[in-house]
ModelCIF file with pLDDT and N, C-alpha, C, O atoms, coordinates in Angstrom:
data_MODEL
#
_entry.id   MODEL 
#
_entity.id                         1 
_entity.type                       polymer 
_entity.pdbx_number_of_molecules   1 
#
_entity_poly.entity_id                      1 
_entity_poly.type                           'polypeptide(L)' 
_entity_poly.nstd_linkage                   no 
_entity_poly.nstd_monomer                   no 
_entity_poly.pdbx_seq_one_letter_code       
;(UNK)(UNK)(UNK)(UNK)(UNK)(UNK)(UNK)(UNK)(UNK)(UNK)(UNK)(UNK)(UNK)(UNK)(UNK)(UNK)
(UNK)(UNK)(UNK)(UNK)(UNK)(UNK)(UNK)(UNK)(UNK)(UNK)(UNK)(UNK)(UNK)(UNK)(UNK)(UNK)
(UNK)(UNK)(UNK)(UNK)(UNK)(UNK)(UNK)(UNK)(UNK)(UNK)(UNK)(UNK)(UNK)(UNK)(UNK)
;
_entity_poly.pdbx_seq_one_letter_code_can   XXXXXXXXXXXXXXXXXXXXXXXXXXXXXXXXXXXXXXXXXXXXXXX 
_entity_poly.pdbx_strand_id                 A 
#
loop_
_entity_poly_seq.entity_id 
_entity_poly_seq.num 
_entity_poly_seq.mon_id 
_entity_poly_seq.hetero 
1 1  UNK n 
1 2  UNK n 
1 3  UNK n 
1 4  UNK n 
1 5  UNK n 
1 6  UNK n 
1 7  UNK n 
1 8  UNK n 
1 9  UNK n 
1 10 UNK n 
1 11 UNK n 
1 12 UNK n 
1 13 UNK n 
1 14 UNK n 
1 15 UNK n 
1 16 UNK n 
1 17 UNK n 
1 18 UNK n 
1 19 UNK n 
1 20 UNK n 
1 21 UNK n 
1 22 UNK n 
1 23 UNK n 
1 24 UNK n 
1 25 UNK n 
1 26 UNK n 
1 27 UNK n 
1 28 UNK n 
1 29 UNK n 
1 30 UNK n 
1 31 UNK n 
1 32 UNK n 
1 33 UNK n 
1 34 UNK n 
1 35 UNK n 
1 36 UNK n 
1 37 UNK n 
1 38 UNK n 
1 39 UNK n 
1 40 UNK n 
1 41 UNK n 
1 42 UNK n 
1 43 UNK n 
1 44 UNK n 
1 45 UNK n 
1 46 UNK n 
1 47 UNK n 
#
_struct_asym.id          A 
_struct_asym.entity_id   1 
#
loop_
_ma_qa_metric.id 
_ma_qa_metric.mode 
_ma_qa_metric.name 
_ma_qa_metric.software_group_id 
_ma_qa_metric.type 
1 global pLDDT . pLDDT 
2 local  pLDDT . pLDDT 
#
_ma_qa_metric_global.metric_id      1 
_ma_qa_metric_global.metric_value   92.23 
_ma_qa_metric_global.model_id       1 
_ma_qa_metric_global.ordinal_id     1 
#
loop_
_ma_qa_metric_local.label_asym_id 
_ma_qa_metric_local.label_comp_id 
_ma_qa_metric_local.label_seq_id 
_ma_qa_metric_local.metric_id 
_ma_qa_metric_local.metric_value 
_ma_qa_metric_local.model_id 
_ma_qa_metric_local.ordinal_id 
A UNK 1  2 92.00 1 1  
A UNK 2  2 93.00 1 2  
A UNK 3  2 94.00 1 3  
A UNK 4  2 95.00 1 4  
A UNK 5  2 96.00 1 5  
A UNK 6  2 95.00 1 6  
A UNK 7  2 95.00 1 7  
A UNK 8  2 96.00 1 8  
A UNK 9  2 96.00 1 9  
A UNK 10 2 96.00 1 10 
A UNK 11 2 97.00 1 11 
A UNK 12 2 97.00 1 12 
A UNK 13 2 96.00 1 13 
A UNK 14 2 96.00 1 14 
A UNK 15 2 96.00 1 15 
A UNK 16 2 96.00 1 16 
A UNK 17 2 96.00 1 17 
A UNK 18 2 95.00 1 18 
A UNK 19 2 96.00 1 19 
A UNK 20 2 96.00 1 20 
A UNK 21 2 96.00 1 21 
A UNK 22 2 97.00 1 22 
A UNK 23 2 96.00 1 23 
A UNK 24 2 96.00 1 24 
A UNK 25 2 95.00 1 25 
A UNK 26 2 96.00 1 26 
A UNK 27 2 96.00 1 27 
A UNK 28 2 95.00 1 28 
A UNK 29 2 95.00 1 29 
A UNK 30 2 94.00 1 30 
A UNK 31 2 94.00 1 31 
A UNK 32 2 94.00 1 32 
A UNK 33 2 93.00 1 33 
A UNK 34 2 93.00 1 34 
A UNK 35 2 93.00 1 35 
A UNK 36 2 92.00 1 36 
A UNK 37 2 91.00 1 37 
A UNK 38 2 91.00 1 38 
A UNK 39 2 89.00 1 39 
A UNK 40 2 90.00 1 40 
A UNK 41 2 89.00 1 41 
A UNK 42 2 87.00 1 42 
A UNK 43 2 85.00 1 43 
A UNK 44 2 82.00 1 44 
A UNK 45 2 75.00 1 45 
A UNK 46 2 70.00 1 46 
A UNK 47 2 62.00 1 47 
#
loop_
_atom_site.group_PDB 
_atom_site.id 
_atom_site.type_symbol 
_atom_site.label_atom_id 
_atom_site.label_alt_id 
_atom_site.label_comp_id 
_atom_site.label_asym_id 
_atom_site.label_entity_id 
_atom_site.label_seq_id 
_atom_site.pdbx_PDB_ins_code 
_atom_site.Cartn_x 
_atom_site.Cartn_y 
_atom_site.Cartn_z 
_atom_site.occupancy 
_atom_site.B_iso_or_equiv 
_atom_site.pdbx_formal_charge 
_atom_site.auth_seq_id 
_atom_site.auth_comp_id 
_atom_site.auth_asym_id 
_atom_site.auth_atom_id 
_atom_site.pdbx_PDB_model_num 
ATOM 1   N N  . UNK A 1 1  ? -61.200 95.691 43.414 1.00 92.00 ? 1  UNK A N  1 
ATOM 2   C CA . UNK A 1 1  ? -62.798 96.042 43.276 1.00 92.00 ? 1  UNK A CA 1 
ATOM 3   C C  . UNK A 1 1  ? -63.098 96.045 41.712 1.00 92.00 ? 1  UNK A C  1 
ATOM 4   O O  . UNK A 1 1  ? -64.261 96.301 41.398 1.00 92.00 ? 1  UNK A O  1 
ATOM 5   N N  . UNK A 1 2  ? -62.293 95.821 40.820 1.00 93.00 ? 2  UNK A N  1 
ATOM 6   C CA . UNK A 1 2  ? -62.870 95.487 39.684 1.00 93.00 ? 2  UNK A CA 1 
ATOM 7   C C  . UNK A 1 2  ? -62.960 94.116 39.155 1.00 93.00 ? 2  UNK A C  1 
ATOM 8   O O  . UNK A 1 2  ? -63.620 93.756 38.180 1.00 93.00 ? 2  UNK A O  1 
ATOM 9   N N  . UNK A 1 3  ? -62.242 93.422 39.890 1.00 94.00 ? 3  UNK A N  1 
ATOM 10  C CA . UNK A 1 3  ? -62.457 91.995 39.740 1.00 94.00 ? 3  UNK A CA 1 
ATOM 11  C C  . UNK A 1 3  ? -63.388 91.118 40.493 1.00 94.00 ? 3  UNK A C  1 
ATOM 12  O O  . UNK A 1 3  ? -63.292 89.895 40.393 1.00 94.00 ? 3  UNK A O  1 
ATOM 13  N N  . UNK A 1 4  ? -64.367 91.735 41.312 1.00 95.00 ? 4  UNK A N  1 
ATOM 14  C CA . UNK A 1 4  ? -65.034 90.933 42.394 1.00 95.00 ? 4  UNK A CA 1 
ATOM 15  C C  . UNK A 1 4  ? -66.007 89.694 41.919 1.00 95.00 ? 4  UNK A C  1 
ATOM 16  O O  . UNK A 1 4  ? -66.288 88.649 42.506 1.00 95.00 ? 4  UNK A O  1 
ATOM 17  N N  . UNK A 1 5  ? -66.447 90.236 40.543 1.00 96.00 ? 5  UNK A N  1 
ATOM 18  C CA . UNK A 1 5  ? -67.309 89.257 39.898 1.00 96.00 ? 5  UNK A CA 1 
ATOM 19  C C  . UNK A 1 5  ? -66.652 87.666 39.269 1.00 96.00 ? 5  UNK A C  1 
ATOM 20  O O  . UNK A 1 5  ? -67.202 86.565 39.224 1.00 96.00 ? 5  UNK A O  1 
ATOM 21  N N  . UNK A 1 6  ? -65.121 88.141 38.787 1.00 95.00 ? 6  UNK A N  1 
ATOM 22  C CA . UNK A 1 6  ? -64.244 86.945 38.523 1.00 95.00 ? 6  UNK A CA 1 
ATOM 23  C C  . UNK A 1 6  ? -64.012 86.161 39.433 1.00 95.00 ? 6  UNK A C  1 
ATOM 24  O O  . UNK A 1 6  ? -64.195 84.945 39.392 1.00 95.00 ? 6  UNK A O  1 
ATOM 25  N N  . UNK A 1 7  ? -63.432 87.022 40.660 1.00 95.00 ? 7  UNK A N  1 
ATOM 26  C CA . UNK A 1 7  ? -62.913 86.503 41.505 1.00 95.00 ? 7  UNK A CA 1 
ATOM 27  C C  . UNK A 1 7  ? -64.168 85.550 42.297 1.00 95.00 ? 7  UNK A C  1 
ATOM 28  O O  . UNK A 1 7  ? -63.909 84.394 42.629 1.00 95.00 ? 7  UNK A O  1 
ATOM 29  N N  . UNK A 1 8  ? -65.423 86.104 42.535 1.00 96.00 ? 8  UNK A N  1 
ATOM 30  C CA . UNK A 1 8  ? -66.601 85.138 42.947 1.00 96.00 ? 8  UNK A CA 1 
ATOM 31  C C  . UNK A 1 8  ? -66.797 83.819 42.420 1.00 96.00 ? 8  UNK A C  1 
ATOM 32  O O  . UNK A 1 8  ? -67.093 82.901 43.185 1.00 96.00 ? 8  UNK A O  1 
ATOM 33  N N  . UNK A 1 9  ? -66.654 83.626 41.123 1.00 96.00 ? 9  UNK A N  1 
ATOM 34  C CA . UNK A 1 9  ? -66.926 82.880 40.000 1.00 96.00 ? 9  UNK A CA 1 
ATOM 35  C C  . UNK A 1 9  ? -66.009 81.776 40.283 1.00 96.00 ? 9  UNK A C  1 
ATOM 36  O O  . UNK A 1 9  ? -66.406 80.612 40.234 1.00 96.00 ? 9  UNK A O  1 
ATOM 37  N N  . UNK A 1 10 ? -64.683 82.113 40.606 1.00 96.00 ? 10 UNK A N  1 
ATOM 38  C CA . UNK A 1 10 ? -63.685 81.027 40.522 1.00 96.00 ? 10 UNK A CA 1 
ATOM 39  C C  . UNK A 1 10 ? -63.707 80.602 41.941 1.00 96.00 ? 10 UNK A C  1 
ATOM 40  O O  . UNK A 1 10 ? -63.509 79.406 42.156 1.00 96.00 ? 10 UNK A O  1 
ATOM 41  N N  . UNK A 1 11 ? -63.905 81.354 42.888 1.00 97.00 ? 11 UNK A N  1 
ATOM 42  C CA . UNK A 1 11 ? -64.067 80.674 44.287 1.00 97.00 ? 11 UNK A CA 1 
ATOM 43  C C  . UNK A 1 11 ? -65.255 79.790 44.356 1.00 97.00 ? 11 UNK A C  1 
ATOM 44  O O  . UNK A 1 11 ? -65.089 78.729 44.958 1.00 97.00 ? 11 UNK A O  1 
ATOM 45  N N  . UNK A 1 12 ? -66.516 80.051 43.810 1.00 97.00 ? 12 UNK A N  1 
ATOM 46  C CA . UNK A 1 12 ? -67.630 78.939 43.365 1.00 97.00 ? 12 UNK A CA 1 
ATOM 47  C C  . UNK A 1 12 ? -66.941 77.597 42.972 1.00 97.00 ? 12 UNK A C  1 
ATOM 48  O O  . UNK A 1 12 ? -66.798 76.553 43.608 1.00 97.00 ? 12 UNK A O  1 
ATOM 49  N N  . UNK A 1 13 ? -66.530 77.995 41.612 1.00 96.00 ? 13 UNK A N  1 
ATOM 50  C CA . UNK A 1 13 ? -66.299 76.704 41.288 1.00 96.00 ? 13 UNK A CA 1 
ATOM 51  C C  . UNK A 1 13 ? -64.921 75.897 41.840 1.00 96.00 ? 13 UNK A C  1 
ATOM 52  O O  . UNK A 1 13 ? -64.757 74.738 41.457 1.00 96.00 ? 13 UNK A O  1 
ATOM 53  N N  . UNK A 1 14 ? -63.956 76.505 42.722 1.00 96.00 ? 14 UNK A N  1 
ATOM 54  C CA . UNK A 1 14 ? -63.018 75.869 43.330 1.00 96.00 ? 14 UNK A CA 1 
ATOM 55  C C  . UNK A 1 14 ? -63.770 75.289 44.494 1.00 96.00 ? 14 UNK A C  1 
ATOM 56  O O  . UNK A 1 14 ? -63.669 74.075 44.671 1.00 96.00 ? 14 UNK A O  1 
ATOM 57  N N  . UNK A 1 15 ? -64.557 76.045 45.359 1.00 96.00 ? 15 UNK A N  1 
ATOM 58  C CA . UNK A 1 15 ? -65.321 75.233 46.590 1.00 96.00 ? 15 UNK A CA 1 
ATOM 59  C C  . UNK A 1 15 ? -66.119 74.162 46.151 1.00 96.00 ? 15 UNK A C  1 
ATOM 60  O O  . UNK A 1 15 ? -66.192 73.090 46.751 1.00 96.00 ? 15 UNK A O  1 
ATOM 61  N N  . UNK A 1 16 ? -66.849 74.494 44.888 1.00 96.00 ? 16 UNK A N  1 
ATOM 62  C CA . UNK A 1 16 ? -67.791 73.105 44.471 1.00 96.00 ? 16 UNK A CA 1 
ATOM 63  C C  . UNK A 1 16 ? -66.808 71.928 44.583 1.00 96.00 ? 16 UNK A C  1 
ATOM 64  O O  . UNK A 1 16 ? -67.204 70.904 45.138 1.00 96.00 ? 16 UNK A O  1 
ATOM 65  N N  . UNK A 1 17 ? -65.731 71.985 44.168 1.00 96.00 ? 17 UNK A N  1 
ATOM 66  C CA . UNK A 1 17 ? -64.767 70.649 44.095 1.00 96.00 ? 17 UNK A CA 1 
ATOM 67  C C  . UNK A 1 17 ? -64.290 70.521 45.083 1.00 96.00 ? 17 UNK A C  1 
ATOM 68  O O  . UNK A 1 17 ? -64.154 69.320 45.314 1.00 96.00 ? 17 UNK A O  1 
ATOM 69  N N  . UNK A 1 18 ? -63.843 71.278 46.045 1.00 95.00 ? 18 UNK A N  1 
ATOM 70  C CA . UNK A 1 18 ? -63.406 70.892 47.420 1.00 95.00 ? 18 UNK A CA 1 
ATOM 71  C C  . UNK A 1 18 ? -64.478 70.381 48.438 1.00 95.00 ? 18 UNK A C  1 
ATOM 72  O O  . UNK A 1 18 ? -64.103 69.854 49.485 1.00 95.00 ? 18 UNK A O  1 
ATOM 73  N N  . UNK A 1 19 ? -65.734 70.519 48.164 1.00 96.00 ? 19 UNK A N  1 
ATOM 74  C CA . UNK A 1 19 ? -66.614 70.095 49.054 1.00 96.00 ? 19 UNK A CA 1 
ATOM 75  C C  . UNK A 1 19 ? -67.050 68.728 48.239 1.00 96.00 ? 19 UNK A C  1 
ATOM 76  O O  . UNK A 1 19 ? -67.736 67.974 48.928 1.00 96.00 ? 19 UNK A O  1 
ATOM 77  N N  . UNK A 1 20 ? -66.834 68.364 47.172 1.00 96.00 ? 20 UNK A N  1 
ATOM 78  C CA . UNK A 1 20 ? -67.251 67.137 46.508 1.00 96.00 ? 20 UNK A CA 1 
ATOM 79  C C  . UNK A 1 20 ? -66.686 65.867 47.036 1.00 96.00 ? 20 UNK A C  1 
ATOM 80  O O  . UNK A 1 20 ? -65.508 65.730 46.708 1.00 96.00 ? 20 UNK A O  1 
ATOM 81  N N  . UNK A 1 21 ? -67.191 64.851 47.789 1.00 96.00 ? 21 UNK A N  1 
ATOM 82  C CA . UNK A 1 21 ? -66.697 63.818 48.314 1.00 96.00 ? 21 UNK A CA 1 
ATOM 83  C C  . UNK A 1 21 ? -66.200 62.832 47.133 1.00 96.00 ? 21 UNK A C  1 
ATOM 84  O O  . UNK A 1 21 ? -65.240 62.100 47.371 1.00 96.00 ? 21 UNK A O  1 
ATOM 85  N N  . UNK A 1 22 ? -66.698 62.799 46.125 1.00 97.00 ? 22 UNK A N  1 
ATOM 86  C CA . UNK A 1 22 ? -66.334 62.051 45.023 1.00 97.00 ? 22 UNK A CA 1 
ATOM 87  C C  . UNK A 1 22 ? -64.893 62.535 44.839 1.00 97.00 ? 22 UNK A C  1 
ATOM 88  O O  . UNK A 1 22 ? -63.899 61.839 45.047 1.00 97.00 ? 22 UNK A O  1 
ATOM 89  N N  . UNK A 1 23 ? -64.893 63.814 44.425 1.00 96.00 ? 23 UNK A N  1 
ATOM 90  C CA . UNK A 1 23 ? -63.532 64.321 44.187 1.00 96.00 ? 23 UNK A CA 1 
ATOM 91  C C  . UNK A 1 23 ? -62.621 64.090 45.228 1.00 96.00 ? 23 UNK A C  1 
ATOM 92  O O  . UNK A 1 23 ? -61.433 63.805 45.073 1.00 96.00 ? 23 UNK A O  1 
ATOM 93  N N  . UNK A 1 24 ? -63.166 64.210 46.212 1.00 96.00 ? 24 UNK A N  1 
ATOM 94  C CA . UNK A 1 24 ? -62.235 63.746 47.192 1.00 96.00 ? 24 UNK A CA 1 
ATOM 95  C C  . UNK A 1 24 ? -61.300 62.348 47.085 1.00 96.00 ? 24 UNK A C  1 
ATOM 96  O O  . UNK A 1 24 ? -60.095 62.174 47.266 1.00 96.00 ? 24 UNK A O  1 
ATOM 97  N N  . UNK A 1 25 ? -62.283 61.519 46.747 1.00 95.00 ? 25 UNK A N  1 
ATOM 98  C CA . UNK A 1 25 ? -61.927 59.907 46.639 1.00 95.00 ? 25 UNK A CA 1 
ATOM 99  C C  . UNK A 1 25 ? -61.021 60.045 45.692 1.00 95.00 ? 25 UNK A C  1 
ATOM 100 O O  . UNK A 1 25 ? -59.852 59.729 45.914 1.00 95.00 ? 25 UNK A O  1 
ATOM 101 N N  . UNK A 1 26 ? -61.375 60.478 44.636 1.00 96.00 ? 26 UNK A N  1 
ATOM 102 C CA . UNK A 1 26 ? -60.694 60.915 43.398 1.00 96.00 ? 26 UNK A CA 1 
ATOM 103 C C  . UNK A 1 26 ? -59.501 60.926 43.709 1.00 96.00 ? 26 UNK A C  1 
ATOM 104 O O  . UNK A 1 26 ? -58.824 59.898 43.701 1.00 96.00 ? 26 UNK A O  1 
ATOM 105 N N  . UNK A 1 27 ? -59.060 62.041 44.021 1.00 96.00 ? 27 UNK A N  1 
ATOM 106 C CA . UNK A 1 27 ? -57.769 62.496 44.247 1.00 96.00 ? 27 UNK A CA 1 
ATOM 107 C C  . UNK A 1 27 ? -56.935 61.654 45.664 1.00 96.00 ? 27 UNK A C  1 
ATOM 108 O O  . UNK A 1 27 ? -55.708 61.582 45.732 1.00 96.00 ? 27 UNK A O  1 
ATOM 109 N N  . UNK A 1 28 ? -57.491 61.309 46.285 1.00 95.00 ? 28 UNK A N  1 
ATOM 110 C CA . UNK A 1 28 ? -56.900 60.247 47.279 1.00 95.00 ? 28 UNK A CA 1 
ATOM 111 C C  . UNK A 1 28 ? -56.722 58.845 46.697 1.00 95.00 ? 28 UNK A C  1 
ATOM 112 O O  . UNK A 1 28 ? -55.942 58.066 47.245 1.00 95.00 ? 28 UNK A O  1 
ATOM 113 N N  . UNK A 1 29 ? -57.233 58.582 45.888 1.00 95.00 ? 29 UNK A N  1 
ATOM 114 C CA . UNK A 1 29 ? -57.189 57.384 45.146 1.00 95.00 ? 29 UNK A CA 1 
ATOM 115 C C  . UNK A 1 29 ? -55.587 57.750 44.114 1.00 95.00 ? 29 UNK A C  1 
ATOM 116 O O  . UNK A 1 29 ? -54.540 57.104 44.069 1.00 95.00 ? 29 UNK A O  1 
ATOM 117 N N  . UNK A 1 30 ? -55.818 58.492 43.698 1.00 94.00 ? 30 UNK A N  1 
ATOM 118 C CA . UNK A 1 30 ? -54.666 59.191 42.741 1.00 94.00 ? 30 UNK A CA 1 
ATOM 119 C C  . UNK A 1 30 ? -53.272 59.368 43.608 1.00 94.00 ? 30 UNK A C  1 
ATOM 120 O O  . UNK A 1 30 ? -52.153 59.166 43.138 1.00 94.00 ? 30 UNK A O  1 
ATOM 121 N N  . UNK A 1 31 ? -53.558 59.796 45.009 1.00 94.00 ? 31 UNK A N  1 
ATOM 122 C CA . UNK A 1 31 ? -52.355 59.774 45.613 1.00 94.00 ? 31 UNK A CA 1 
ATOM 123 C C  . UNK A 1 31 ? -51.815 58.609 46.207 1.00 94.00 ? 31 UNK A C  1 
ATOM 124 O O  . UNK A 1 31 ? -50.616 58.482 46.455 1.00 94.00 ? 31 UNK A O  1 
ATOM 125 N N  . UNK A 1 32 ? -52.748 57.691 46.457 1.00 94.00 ? 32 UNK A N  1 
ATOM 126 C CA . UNK A 1 32 ? -52.373 56.206 46.822 1.00 94.00 ? 32 UNK A CA 1 
ATOM 127 C C  . UNK A 1 32 ? -51.728 55.446 45.900 1.00 94.00 ? 32 UNK A C  1 
ATOM 128 O O  . UNK A 1 32 ? -50.879 54.595 46.165 1.00 94.00 ? 32 UNK A O  1 
ATOM 129 N N  . UNK A 1 33 ? -52.192 55.795 44.627 1.00 93.00 ? 33 UNK A N  1 
ATOM 130 C CA . UNK A 1 33 ? -51.463 55.108 43.506 1.00 93.00 ? 33 UNK A CA 1 
ATOM 131 C C  . UNK A 1 33 ? -50.101 55.551 43.518 1.00 93.00 ? 33 UNK A C  1 
ATOM 132 O O  . UNK A 1 33 ? -49.146 54.785 43.642 1.00 93.00 ? 33 UNK A O  1 
ATOM 133 N N  . UNK A 1 34 ? -50.007 56.971 43.370 1.00 93.00 ? 34 UNK A N  1 
ATOM 134 C CA . UNK A 1 34 ? -48.357 57.583 43.365 1.00 93.00 ? 34 UNK A CA 1 
ATOM 135 C C  . UNK A 1 34 ? -47.643 56.904 44.520 1.00 93.00 ? 34 UNK A C  1 
ATOM 136 O O  . UNK A 1 34 ? -46.651 56.211 44.295 1.00 93.00 ? 34 UNK A O  1 
ATOM 137 N N  . UNK A 1 35 ? -48.115 57.081 45.763 1.00 93.00 ? 35 UNK A N  1 
ATOM 138 C CA . UNK A 1 35 ? -47.683 56.356 46.618 1.00 93.00 ? 35 UNK A CA 1 
ATOM 139 C C  . UNK A 1 35 ? -46.918 55.183 46.801 1.00 93.00 ? 35 UNK A C  1 
ATOM 140 O O  . UNK A 1 35 ? -45.765 55.012 47.197 1.00 93.00 ? 35 UNK A O  1 
ATOM 141 N N  . UNK A 1 36 ? -48.084 54.170 46.313 1.00 92.00 ? 36 UNK A N  1 
ATOM 142 C CA . UNK A 1 36 ? -47.525 52.913 45.932 1.00 92.00 ? 36 UNK A CA 1 
ATOM 143 C C  . UNK A 1 36 ? -46.132 52.717 44.865 1.00 92.00 ? 36 UNK A C  1 
ATOM 144 O O  . UNK A 1 36 ? -45.107 52.048 45.001 1.00 92.00 ? 36 UNK A O  1 
ATOM 145 N N  . UNK A 1 37 ? -46.506 53.423 44.005 1.00 91.00 ? 37 UNK A N  1 
ATOM 146 C CA . UNK A 1 37 ? -45.411 53.560 42.783 1.00 91.00 ? 37 UNK A CA 1 
ATOM 147 C C  . UNK A 1 37 ? -44.040 54.085 43.276 1.00 91.00 ? 37 UNK A C  1 
ATOM 148 O O  . UNK A 1 37 ? -42.934 53.643 42.965 1.00 91.00 ? 37 UNK A O  1 
ATOM 149 N N  . UNK A 1 38 ? -44.348 55.179 44.156 1.00 91.00 ? 38 UNK A N  1 
ATOM 150 C CA . UNK A 1 38 ? -43.143 55.546 44.927 1.00 91.00 ? 38 UNK A CA 1 
ATOM 151 C C  . UNK A 1 38 ? -42.300 54.565 45.569 1.00 91.00 ? 38 UNK A C  1 
ATOM 152 O O  . UNK A 1 38 ? -41.079 54.483 45.434 1.00 91.00 ? 38 UNK A O  1 
ATOM 153 N N  . UNK A 1 39 ? -43.324 53.540 46.550 1.00 89.00 ? 39 UNK A N  1 
ATOM 154 C CA . UNK A 1 39 ? -42.478 52.869 47.449 1.00 89.00 ? 39 UNK A CA 1 
ATOM 155 C C  . UNK A 1 39 ? -41.805 51.567 46.407 1.00 89.00 ? 39 UNK A C  1 
ATOM 156 O O  . UNK A 1 39 ? -40.704 51.043 46.577 1.00 89.00 ? 39 UNK A O  1 
ATOM 157 N N  . UNK A 1 40 ? -42.529 51.323 45.607 1.00 90.00 ? 40 UNK A N  1 
ATOM 158 C CA . UNK A 1 40 ? -42.125 50.393 44.716 1.00 90.00 ? 40 UNK A CA 1 
ATOM 159 C C  . UNK A 1 40 ? -40.920 50.747 43.898 1.00 90.00 ? 40 UNK A C  1 
ATOM 160 O O  . UNK A 1 40 ? -40.147 49.796 43.779 1.00 90.00 ? 40 UNK A O  1 
ATOM 161 N N  . UNK A 1 41 ? -40.547 51.848 43.304 1.00 89.00 ? 41 UNK A N  1 
ATOM 162 C CA . UNK A 1 41 ? -39.728 52.333 42.566 1.00 89.00 ? 41 UNK A CA 1 
ATOM 163 C C  . UNK A 1 41 ? -38.681 53.185 43.053 1.00 89.00 ? 41 UNK A C  1 
ATOM 164 O O  . UNK A 1 41 ? -37.520 53.131 42.647 1.00 89.00 ? 41 UNK A O  1 
ATOM 165 N N  . UNK A 1 42 ? -39.055 53.872 43.818 1.00 87.00 ? 42 UNK A N  1 
ATOM 166 C CA . UNK A 1 42 ? -38.163 55.083 44.710 1.00 87.00 ? 42 UNK A CA 1 
ATOM 167 C C  . UNK A 1 42 ? -38.057 56.302 44.070 1.00 87.00 ? 42 UNK A C  1 
ATOM 168 O O  . UNK A 1 42 ? -37.329 57.245 44.380 1.00 87.00 ? 42 UNK A O  1 
ATOM 169 N N  . UNK A 1 43 ? -39.034 56.193 42.924 1.00 85.00 ? 43 UNK A N  1 
ATOM 170 C CA . UNK A 1 43 ? -38.791 57.727 42.141 1.00 85.00 ? 43 UNK A CA 1 
ATOM 171 C C  . UNK A 1 43 ? -40.420 58.229 42.089 1.00 85.00 ? 43 UNK A C  1 
ATOM 172 O O  . UNK A 1 43 ? -41.439 57.573 41.876 1.00 85.00 ? 43 UNK A O  1 
ATOM 173 N N  . UNK A 1 44 ? -40.219 59.694 42.380 1.00 82.00 ? 44 UNK A N  1 
ATOM 174 C CA . UNK A 1 44 ? -41.615 60.303 42.354 1.00 82.00 ? 44 UNK A CA 1 
ATOM 175 C C  . UNK A 1 44 ? -42.426 60.165 41.257 1.00 82.00 ? 44 UNK A C  1 
ATOM 176 O O  . UNK A 1 44 ? -41.876 59.854 40.201 1.00 82.00 ? 44 UNK A O  1 
ATOM 177 N N  . UNK A 1 45 ? -43.561 60.321 41.273 1.00 75.00 ? 45 UNK A N  1 
ATOM 178 C CA . UNK A 1 45 ? -43.926 60.456 39.488 1.00 75.00 ? 45 UNK A CA 1 
ATOM 179 C C  . UNK A 1 45 ? -43.933 61.304 38.877 1.00 75.00 ? 45 UNK A C  1 
ATOM 180 O O  . UNK A 1 45 ? -44.179 61.014 37.706 1.00 75.00 ? 45 UNK A O  1 
ATOM 181 N N  . UNK A 1 46 ? -43.761 62.433 39.073 1.00 70.00 ? 46 UNK A N  1 
ATOM 182 C CA . UNK A 1 46 ? -43.217 64.113 38.602 1.00 70.00 ? 46 UNK A CA 1 
ATOM 183 C C  . UNK A 1 46 ? -41.802 63.597 37.773 1.00 70.00 ? 46 UNK A C  1 
ATOM 184 O O  . UNK A 1 46 ? -41.601 63.594 36.559 1.00 70.00 ? 46 UNK A O  1 
ATOM 185 N N  . UNK A 1 47 ? -40.855 63.139 38.948 1.00 62.00 ? 47 UNK A N  1 
ATOM 186 C CA . UNK A 1 47 ? -39.306 62.876 38.404 1.00 62.00 ? 47 UNK A CA 1 
ATOM 187 C C  . UNK A 1 47 ? -39.329 61.964 37.424 1.00 62.00 ? 47 UNK A C  1 
ATOM 188 O O  . UNK A 1 47 ? -38.282 61.619 36.877 1.00 62.00 ? 47 UNK A O  1 
#
């Protein structure tokens, strides 16, 4: 009940990013870069 305003603000911010096609492409390119590096080295980027 008390955190509706904060929850709505958070949802708005997150949804704005999720619906942004440029943001999707940025994340897709980051993923492809990580996948390519994994295929070369066999080690995940976080590891």
